[in-house]
C-alpha atoms as a PDB file:
ATOM      1  CA  MET A   1    -119.710 -55.079-132.638  1.00  0.00           C
ATOM      2  CA  HIS A   2    -121.731 -57.095-134.953  1.00  0.00           C
ATOM      3  CA  GLU A   3    -122.323 -55.089-138.201  1.00  0.00           C
ATOM      4  CA  ILE A   4    -126.084 -54.449-139.083  1.00  0.00           C
ATOM      5  CA  ALA A   5    -126.862 -55.150-142.516  1.00  0.00           C
ATOM      6  CA  GLU A   6    -127.848 -51.940-144.591  1.00  0.00           C
ATOM      7  CA  PRO A   7    -131.480 -51.189-145.228  1.00  0.00           C
ATOM      8  CA  ALA A   8    -132.597 -52.248-148.506  1.00  0.00           C
ATOM      9  CA  ALA A   9    -133.935 -49.771-151.316  1.00  0.00           C
ATOM     10  CA  SER A  10    -137.453 -49.376-151.752  1.00  0.00           C
ATOM     11  CA  GLY A  11    -139.652 -52.347-152.500  1.00  0.00           C
ATOM     12  CA  ASP A  12    -136.960 -54.876-150.916  1.00  0.00           C
ATOM     13  CA  PRO A  13    -137.437 -56.493-147.615  1.00  0.00           C
ATOM     14  CA  ALA A  14    -136.547 -54.404-144.709  1.00  0.00           C
ATOM     15  CA  PRO A  15    -133.547 -55.700-142.742  1.00  0.00           C
ATOM     16  CA  GLU A  16    -133.898 -57.318-139.212  1.00  0.00           C
ATOM     17  CA  PRO A  17    -137.755 -57.491-139.037  1.00  0.00           C
ATOM     18  CA  THR A  18    -139.092 -56.958-135.661  1.00  0.00           C
ATOM     19  CA  ALA A  19    -142.305 -56.782-134.017  1.00  0.00           C
ATOM     20  CA  ALA A  20    -144.387 -53.156-134.505  1.00  0.00           C
ATOM     21  CA  PRO A  21    -143.737 -50.685-131.457  1.00  0.00           C
ATOM     22  CA  ALA A  22    -146.476 -50.193-128.806  1.00  0.00           C
ATOM     23  CA  ALA A  23    -149.672 -48.871-129.934  1.00  0.00           C
ATOM     24  CA  ASP A  24    -149.825 -46.551-127.104  1.00  0.00           C
ATOM     25  CA  PRO A  25    -150.303 -42.825-128.259  1.00  0.00           C
ATOM     26  CA  GLY A  26    -147.108 -41.764-126.649  1.00  0.00           C
ATOM     27  CA  ILE A  27    -144.648 -44.310-128.163  1.00  0.00           C
ATOM     28  CA  GLY A  28    -141.864 -44.198-126.007  1.00  0.00           C
ATOM     29  CA  PRO A  29    -137.687 -43.956-126.635  1.00  0.00           C
ATOM     30  CA  THR A  30    -135.807 -46.846-126.752  1.00  0.00           C
ATOM     31  CA  ALA A  31    -133.313 -45.380-124.636  1.00  0.00           C
ATOM     32  CA  ASP A  32    -132.991 -43.611-121.489  1.00  0.00           C
ATOM     33  CA  PRO A  33    -134.310 -39.928-122.256  1.00  0.00           C
ATOM     34  CA  ALA A  34    -131.930 -37.102-121.741  1.00  0.00           C
ATOM     35  CA  PRO A  35    -132.434 -34.603-118.535  1.00  0.00           C
ATOM     36  CA  GLY A  36    -135.356 -32.050-119.112  1.00  0.00           C
ATOM     37  CA  SER A  37    -133.421 -29.079-117.774  1.00  0.00           C
ATOM     38  CA  SER A  38    -132.106 -25.964-120.028  1.00  0.00           C
ATOM     39  CA  THR A  39    -128.757 -26.491-118.828  1.00  0.00           C
ATOM     40  CA  ALA A  40    -129.162 -30.221-120.105  1.00  0.00           C
ATOM     41  CA  PHE A  41    -129.970 -29.148-123.481  1.00  0.00           C
ATOM     42  CA  GLY A  42    -126.610 -27.870-123.940  1.00  0.00           C
ATOM     43  CA  ASP A  43    -125.872 -27.159-127.566  1.00  0.00           C
ATOM     44  CA  ARG A  44    -128.388 -28.926-128.957  1.00  0.00           C
ATOM     45  CA  SER A  45    -130.079 -27.900-132.076  1.00  0.00           C
ATOM     46  CA  PHE A  46    -133.685 -29.109-133.625  1.00  0.00           C
ATOM     47  CA  LEU A  47    -134.266 -29.509-137.151  1.00  0.00           C
ATOM     48  CA  PHE A  48    -138.142 -29.936-138.006  1.00  0.00           C
ATOM     49  CA  LEU A  49    -139.072 -31.809-141.253  1.00  0.00           C
ATOM     50  CA  LEU A  50    -142.707 -31.146-142.033  1.00  0.00           C
ATOM     51  CA  GLY A  51    -143.839 -33.988-144.432  1.00  0.00           C
ATOM     52  CA  SER A  52    -147.282 -32.683-145.096  1.00  0.00           C
ATOM     53  CA  SER A  53    -148.501 -31.741-148.571  1.00  0.00           C
ATOM     54  CA  ARG A  54    -150.250 -28.468-147.047  1.00  0.00           C
ATOM     55  CA  ALA A  55    -149.248 -26.001-144.528  1.00  0.00           C
ATOM     56  CA  GLY A  56    -150.680 -25.685-140.917  1.00  0.00           C
ATOM     57  CA  GLY A  57    -152.054 -29.025-140.871  1.00  0.00           C
ATOM     58  CA  ASN A  58    -152.498 -31.216-137.616  1.00  0.00           C
ATOM     59  CA  THR A  59    -149.150 -32.861-137.699  1.00  0.00           C
ATOM     60  CA  GLU A  60    -147.448 -29.121-137.789  1.00  0.00           C
ATOM     61  CA  LEU A  61    -149.687 -27.563-135.384  1.00  0.00           C
ATOM     62  CA  LEU A  62    -148.813 -30.576-132.834  1.00  0.00           C
ATOM     63  CA  ALA A  63    -145.086 -30.592-133.463  1.00  0.00           C
ATOM     64  CA  ARG A  64    -144.952 -26.600-133.008  1.00  0.00           C
ATOM     65  CA  ARG A  65    -146.888 -26.960-129.894  1.00  0.00           C
ATOM     66  CA  ALA A  66    -144.272 -29.461-128.474  1.00  0.00           C
ATOM     67  CA  ALA A  67    -141.458 -27.287-129.899  1.00  0.00           C
ATOM     68  CA  GLU A  68    -142.819 -24.188-127.955  1.00  0.00           C
ATOM     69  CA  GLN A  69    -141.509 -25.958-124.788  1.00  0.00           C
ATOM     70  CA  LEU A  70    -137.962 -26.129-125.747  1.00  0.00           C
ATOM     71  CA  PRO A  71    -135.783 -23.621-124.133  1.00  0.00           C
ATOM     72  CA  GLN A  72    -135.102 -20.492-125.862  1.00  0.00           C
ATOM     73  CA  HIS A  73    -131.519 -20.921-126.332  1.00  0.00           C
ATOM     74  CA  VAL A  74    -132.193 -24.148-128.188  1.00  0.00           C
ATOM     75  CA  THR A  75    -131.924 -23.828-132.058  1.00  0.00           C
ATOM     76  CA  GLN A  76    -134.894 -24.478-134.052  1.00  0.00           C
ATOM     77  CA  ARG A  77    -134.932 -25.076-138.175  1.00  0.00           C
ATOM     78  CA  TRP A  78    -138.199 -25.808-139.968  1.00  0.00           C
ATOM     79  CA  LEU A  79    -138.238 -26.998-143.554  1.00  0.00           C
ATOM     80  CA  ARG A  80    -141.113 -27.982-145.520  1.00  0.00           C
ATOM     81  CA  LEU A  81    -140.487 -30.758-147.615  1.00  0.00           C
ATOM     82  CA  ALA A  82    -143.050 -29.980-150.282  1.00  0.00           C
ATOM     83  CA  ASP A  83    -141.443 -26.617-150.848  1.00  0.00           C
ATOM     84  CA  LEU A  84    -138.046 -28.541-151.713  1.00  0.00           C
ATOM     85  CA  THR A  85    -137.318 -30.255-155.026  1.00  0.00           C
ATOM     86  CA  GLN A  86    -135.827 -33.691-153.878  1.00  0.00           C
ATOM     87  CA  PRO A  87    -134.679 -35.625-157.106  1.00  0.00           C
ATOM     88  CA  VAL A  88    -135.926 -39.222-157.795  1.00  0.00           C
ATOM     89  CA  PHE A  89    -133.758 -41.781-155.549  1.00  0.00           C
ATOM     90  CA  ARG A  90    -131.925 -44.083-157.990  1.00  0.00           C
ATOM     91  CA  ASP A  91    -130.439 -47.048-156.415  1.00  0.00           C
ATOM     92  CA  VAL A  92    -127.330 -47.545-158.224  1.00  0.00           C
ATOM     93  CA  ARG A  93    -125.287 -49.380-155.573  1.00  0.00           C
ATOM     94  CA  HIS A  94    -124.560 -52.324-157.833  1.00  0.00           C
ATOM     95  CA  ALA A  95    -124.496 -50.477-161.160  1.00  0.00           C
ATOM     96  CA  GLU A  96    -120.991 -51.057-162.578  1.00  0.00           C
ATOM     97  CA  GLY A  97    -118.880 -47.972-162.524  1.00  0.00           C
ATOM     98  CA  ALA A  98    -121.616 -45.920-160.708  1.00  0.00           C
ATOM     99  CA  ARG A  99    -121.565 -43.824-157.645  1.00  0.00           C
ATOM    100  CA  TYR A 100    -123.429 -41.522-155.506  1.00  0.00           C
ATOM    101  CA  PRO A 101    -122.612 -37.577-156.368  1.00  0.00           C
ATOM    102  CA  GLN A 102    -122.322 -34.911-153.865  1.00  0.00           C
ATOM    103  CA  PRO A 103    -126.083 -33.697-153.470  1.00  0.00           C
ATOM    104  CA  GLY A 104    -126.510 -30.368-154.782  1.00  0.00           C
ATOM    105  CA  GLY A 105    -129.529 -28.019-155.021  1.00  0.00           C
ATOM    106  CA  HIS A 106    -132.060 -28.668-152.101  1.00  0.00           C
ATOM    107  CA  ALA A 107    -131.121 -32.276-151.755  1.00  0.00           C
ATOM    108  CA  GLY A 108    -127.570 -30.728-150.541  1.00  0.00           C
ATOM    109  CA  GLU A 109    -129.655 -28.182-148.654  1.00  0.00           C
ATOM    110  CA  LEU A 110    -131.494 -31.013-146.735  1.00  0.00           C
ATOM    111  CA  LEU A 111    -128.260 -33.114-146.212  1.00  0.00           C
ATOM    112  CA  ALA A 112    -126.411 -30.321-144.719  1.00  0.00           C
ATOM    113  CA  ALA A 113    -129.301 -29.565-142.427  1.00  0.00           C
ATOM    114  CA  THR A 114    -129.592 -33.251-141.465  1.00  0.00           C
ATOM    115  CA  LEU A 115    -125.926 -33.139-140.335  1.00  0.00           C
ATOM    116  CA  SER A 116    -125.970 -30.038-138.659  1.00  0.00           C
ATOM    117  CA  ALA A 117    -128.846 -30.896-136.387  1.00  0.00           C
ATOM    118  CA  THR A 118    -128.525 -32.891-133.141  1.00  0.00           C
ATOM    119  CA  ASP A 119    -132.057 -33.806-132.777  1.00  0.00           C
ATOM    120  CA  LEU A 120    -134.298 -34.639-135.821  1.00  0.00           C
ATOM    121  CA  VAL A 121    -138.128 -34.291-135.991  1.00  0.00           C
ATOM    122  CA  ILE A 122    -140.051 -36.185-138.570  1.00  0.00           C
ATOM    123  CA  ALA A 123    -143.370 -34.425-138.483  1.00  0.00           C
ATOM    124  CA  SER A 124    -145.174 -36.453-141.151  1.00  0.00           C
ATOM    125  CA  PRO A 125    -148.898 -36.715-141.051  1.00  0.00           C
ATOM    126  CA  LEU A 126    -150.272 -40.589-141.411  1.00  0.00           C
ATOM    127  CA  TYR A 127    -150.577 -41.422-144.803  1.00  0.00           C
ATOM    128  CA  TRP A 128    -151.696 -44.985-145.975  1.00  0.00           C
ATOM    129  CA  TYR A 129    -150.634 -46.086-142.060  1.00  0.00           C
ATOM    130  CA  SER A 130    -146.911 -44.745-142.577  1.00  0.00           C
ATOM    131  CA  VAL A 131    -145.049 -41.795-143.874  1.00  0.00           C
ATOM    132  CA  SER A 132    -145.768 -39.235-146.299  1.00  0.00           C
ATOM    133  CA  SER A 133    -144.345 -39.510-149.722  1.00  0.00           C
ATOM    134  CA  SER A 134    -142.031 -36.552-149.496  1.00  0.00           C
ATOM    135  CA  THR A 135    -140.739 -37.982-146.110  1.00  0.00           C
ATOM    136  CA  LYS A 136    -140.159 -41.464-147.537  1.00  0.00           C
ATOM    137  CA  LEU A 137    -138.172 -39.917-150.676  1.00  0.00           C
ATOM    138  CA  TYR A 138    -136.188 -38.107-148.109  1.00  0.00           C
ATOM    139  CA  LEU A 139    -135.508 -41.061-145.981  1.00  0.00           C
ATOM    140  CA  ASP A 140    -134.716 -43.023-149.182  1.00  0.00           C
ATOM    141  CA  HIS A 141    -132.070 -40.485-150.128  1.00  0.00           C
ATOM    142  CA  TRP A 142    -130.006 -41.676-146.719  1.00  0.00           C
ATOM    143  CA  SER A 143    -129.081 -44.626-148.630  1.00  0.00           C
ATOM    144  CA  GLY A 144    -127.531 -42.512-151.028  1.00  0.00           C
ATOM    145  CA  TRP A 145    -125.760 -40.014-148.641  1.00  0.00           C
ATOM    146  CA  LEU A 146    -124.082 -43.211-146.877  1.00  0.00           C
ATOM    147  CA  ARG A 147    -122.152 -43.676-150.125  1.00  0.00           C
ATOM    148  CA  VAL A 148    -121.306 -40.123-151.192  1.00  0.00           C
ATOM    149  CA  PRO A 149    -117.437 -39.958-150.687  1.00  0.00           C
ATOM    150  CA  GLY A 150    -116.157 -37.774-147.596  1.00  0.00           C
ATOM    151  CA  VAL A 151    -119.705 -37.561-145.956  1.00  0.00           C
ATOM    152  CA  GLY A 152    -119.383 -40.348-143.485  1.00  0.00           C
ATOM    153  CA  PHE A 153    -122.976 -40.178-143.168  1.00  0.00           C
ATOM    154  CA  ARG A 154    -123.776 -43.190-140.739  1.00  0.00           C
ATOM    155  CA  ALA A 155    -120.666 -42.169-138.418  1.00  0.00           C
ATOM    156  CA  ARG A 156    -121.789 -38.589-138.232  1.00  0.00           C
ATOM    157  CA  MET A 157    -125.410 -39.706-137.477  1.00  0.00           C
ATOM    158  CA  ALA A 158    -124.737 -42.234-134.807  1.00  0.00           C
ATOM    159  CA  GLY A 159    -125.587 -40.712-131.168  1.00  0.00           C
ATOM    160  CA  ARG A 160    -128.221 -38.049-132.169  1.00  0.00           C
ATOM    161  CA  THR A 161    -131.730 -38.078-131.705  1.00  0.00           C
ATOM    162  CA  LEU A 162    -134.871 -39.109-134.072  1.00  0.00           C
ATOM    163  CA  TRP A 163    -138.081 -38.035-133.153  1.00  0.00           C
ATOM    164  CA  GLY A 164    -141.752 -38.467-134.708  1.00  0.00           C
ATOM    165  CA  VAL A 165    -144.956 -36.568-134.917  1.00  0.00           C
ATOM    166  CA  THR A 166    -147.719 -37.402-136.494  1.00  0.00           C
ATOM    167  CA  ALA A 167    -151.424 -37.097-136.476  1.00  0.00           C
ATOM    168  CA  LEU A 168    -154.233 -39.738-137.815  1.00  0.00           C
ATOM    169  CA  ALA A 169    -157.846 -39.415-138.599  1.00  0.00           C
ATOM    170  CA  GLY A 170    -158.942 -42.746-136.779  1.00  0.00           C
ATOM    171  CA  GLU A 171    -159.369 -43.645-133.366  1.00  0.00           C
ATOM    172  CA  ASP A 172    -156.964 -46.851-133.275  1.00  0.00           C
ATOM    173  CA  PRO A 173    -153.364 -45.362-132.453  1.00  0.00           C
ATOM    174  CA  SER A 174    -152.239 -48.482-133.603  1.00  0.00           C
ATOM    175  CA  ASP A 175    -152.831 -47.490-137.056  1.00  0.00           C
ATOM    176  CA  ALA A 176    -149.671 -45.434-136.724  1.00  0.00           C
ATOM    177  CA  ASP A 177    -147.402 -48.624-135.956  1.00  0.00           C
ATOM    178  CA  PRO A 178    -145.951 -48.872-139.516  1.00  0.00           C
ATOM    179  CA  LEU A 179    -144.727 -45.231-139.289  1.00  0.00           C
ATOM    180  CA  ALA A 180    -143.306 -45.535-135.635  1.00  0.00           C
ATOM    181  CA  GLY A 181    -141.724 -48.659-137.101  1.00  0.00           C
ATOM    182  CA  THR A 182    -140.239 -46.956-139.775  1.00  0.00           C
ATOM    183  CA  LEU A 183    -138.516 -44.313-137.897  1.00  0.00           C
ATOM    184  CA  GLU A 184    -137.356 -46.544-134.973  1.00  0.00           C
ATOM    185  CA  LEU A 185    -135.658 -49.213-137.079  1.00  0.00           C
ATOM    186  CA  THR A 186    -134.249 -46.201-139.071  1.00  0.00           C
ATOM    187  CA  ALA A 187    -132.729 -44.948-135.608  1.00  0.00           C
ATOM    188  CA  ARG A 188    -131.582 -48.310-134.718  1.00  0.00           C
ATOM    189  CA  TYR A 189    -129.596 -49.010-138.118  1.00  0.00           C
ATOM    190  CA  MET A 190    -127.992 -45.439-137.923  1.00  0.00           C
ATOM    191  CA  ARG A 191    -127.122 -46.047-134.141  1.00  0.00           C
ATOM    192  CA  MET A 192    -129.296 -42.958-133.458  1.00  0.00           C
ATOM    193  CA  ARG A 193    -131.262 -42.444-130.264  1.00  0.00           C
ATOM    194  CA  PHE A 194    -135.242 -43.130-130.781  1.00  0.00           C
ATOM    195  CA  GLY A 195    -137.164 -40.426-128.991  1.00  0.00           C
ATOM    196  CA  GLY A 196    -140.495 -41.797-129.559  1.00  0.00           C
ATOM    197  CA  VAL A 197    -143.345 -40.727-131.668  1.00  0.00           C
ATOM    198  CA  LEU A 198    -146.006 -37.863-130.585  1.00  0.00           C
ATOM    199  CA  LEU A 199    -149.181 -38.879-131.702  1.00  0.00           C
ATOM    200  CA  GLY A 200    -152.450 -36.774-132.257  1.00  0.00           C
ATOM    201  CA  ASN A 201    -155.829 -37.074-133.627  1.00  0.00           C
ATOM    202  CA  GLY A 202    -157.600 -34.950-136.241  1.00  0.00           C
ATOM    203  CA  THR A 203    -159.125 -34.903-139.813  1.00  0.00           C
ATOM    204  CA  ARG A 204    -159.742 -31.276-140.645  1.00  0.00           C
ATOM    205  CA  PRO A 205    -157.346 -28.525-139.960  1.00  0.00           C
ATOM    206  CA  GLY A 206    -157.001 -27.519-136.523  1.00  0.00           C
ATOM    207  CA  ASP A 207    -158.983 -30.818-135.209  1.00  0.00           C
ATOM    208  CA  VAL A 208    -155.722 -31.731-133.136  1.00  0.00           C
ATOM    209  CA  LEU A 209    -156.065 -28.558-130.989  1.00  0.00           C
ATOM    210  CA  ALA A 210    -159.046 -30.253-129.528  1.00  0.00           C
ATOM    211  CA  ASP A 211    -157.035 -33.680-128.633  1.00  0.00           C
ATOM    212  CA  HIS A 212    -156.201 -32.456-124.916  1.00  0.00           C
ATOM    213  CA  ALA A 213    -154.543 -35.554-124.394  1.00  0.00           C
ATOM    214  CA  ALA A 214    -151.885 -35.191-127.370  1.00  0.00           C
ATOM    215  CA  LEU A 215    -151.477 -31.441-126.194  1.00  0.00           C
ATOM    216  CA  ARG A 216    -150.518 -32.250-122.714  1.00  0.00           C
ATOM    217  CA  ARG A 217    -148.203 -35.294-124.022  1.00  0.00           C
ATOM    218  CA  ALA A 218    -146.605 -32.125-126.383  1.00  0.00           C
ATOM    219  CA  LYS A 219    -145.726 -30.235-123.356  1.00  0.00           C
ATOM    220  CA  THR A 220    -143.329 -32.829-122.092  1.00  0.00           C
ATOM    221  CA  PHE A 221    -142.409 -34.774-125.565  1.00  0.00           C
ATOM    222  CA  PHE A 222    -138.953 -33.202-125.920  1.00  0.00           C
ATOM    223  CA  THR A 223    -138.245 -32.728-122.077  1.00  0.00           C
ATOM    224  CA  PRO A 224    -139.330 -35.798-120.152  1.00  0.00           C
END
């Protein structure tokens, strides 16, 4: 199998540039969806990472509507990135004698939670056409986790599913293409399945509850 070059640190060109995902509000998965029955969910567990700077925003409301449709036996864990202290990411890949240490504190909690989930849901509002700063910092740390001795991060993430949920204020769903592209390319590099992006519209908190099309999509987002 051809080895995919690792994504560069922030500020460097992204590897394997490809066209942005389709602008359809229900940005679709890159592989066949899992069956939707309760039995088919098996031992899956969902980690919801909330990337908003405020609680109860439109993205979170939409994510919770989608999560309500999961079978009761499926484990859900919700973490708000704004409540967790993530250290500044430092790229030491080429620094002589440097190595990435085992993460501690909240960073260690995020690593453990990420590895324990079969399904990872990035619920980030659309900030400047992409993910929020706390979400981007979390993803930046993946580059370090790839090199922490004994973790085997990429091998362990392979085969799991990465999902996205976001809300935007504008009327053009293609504004969310950069966010969707970030998640899709991340999943591709990590050999994860990309489940797609659930997209809703809203400016003030609660507005997304009036986006009836988004609420309909939320009902079947995790269980096609």
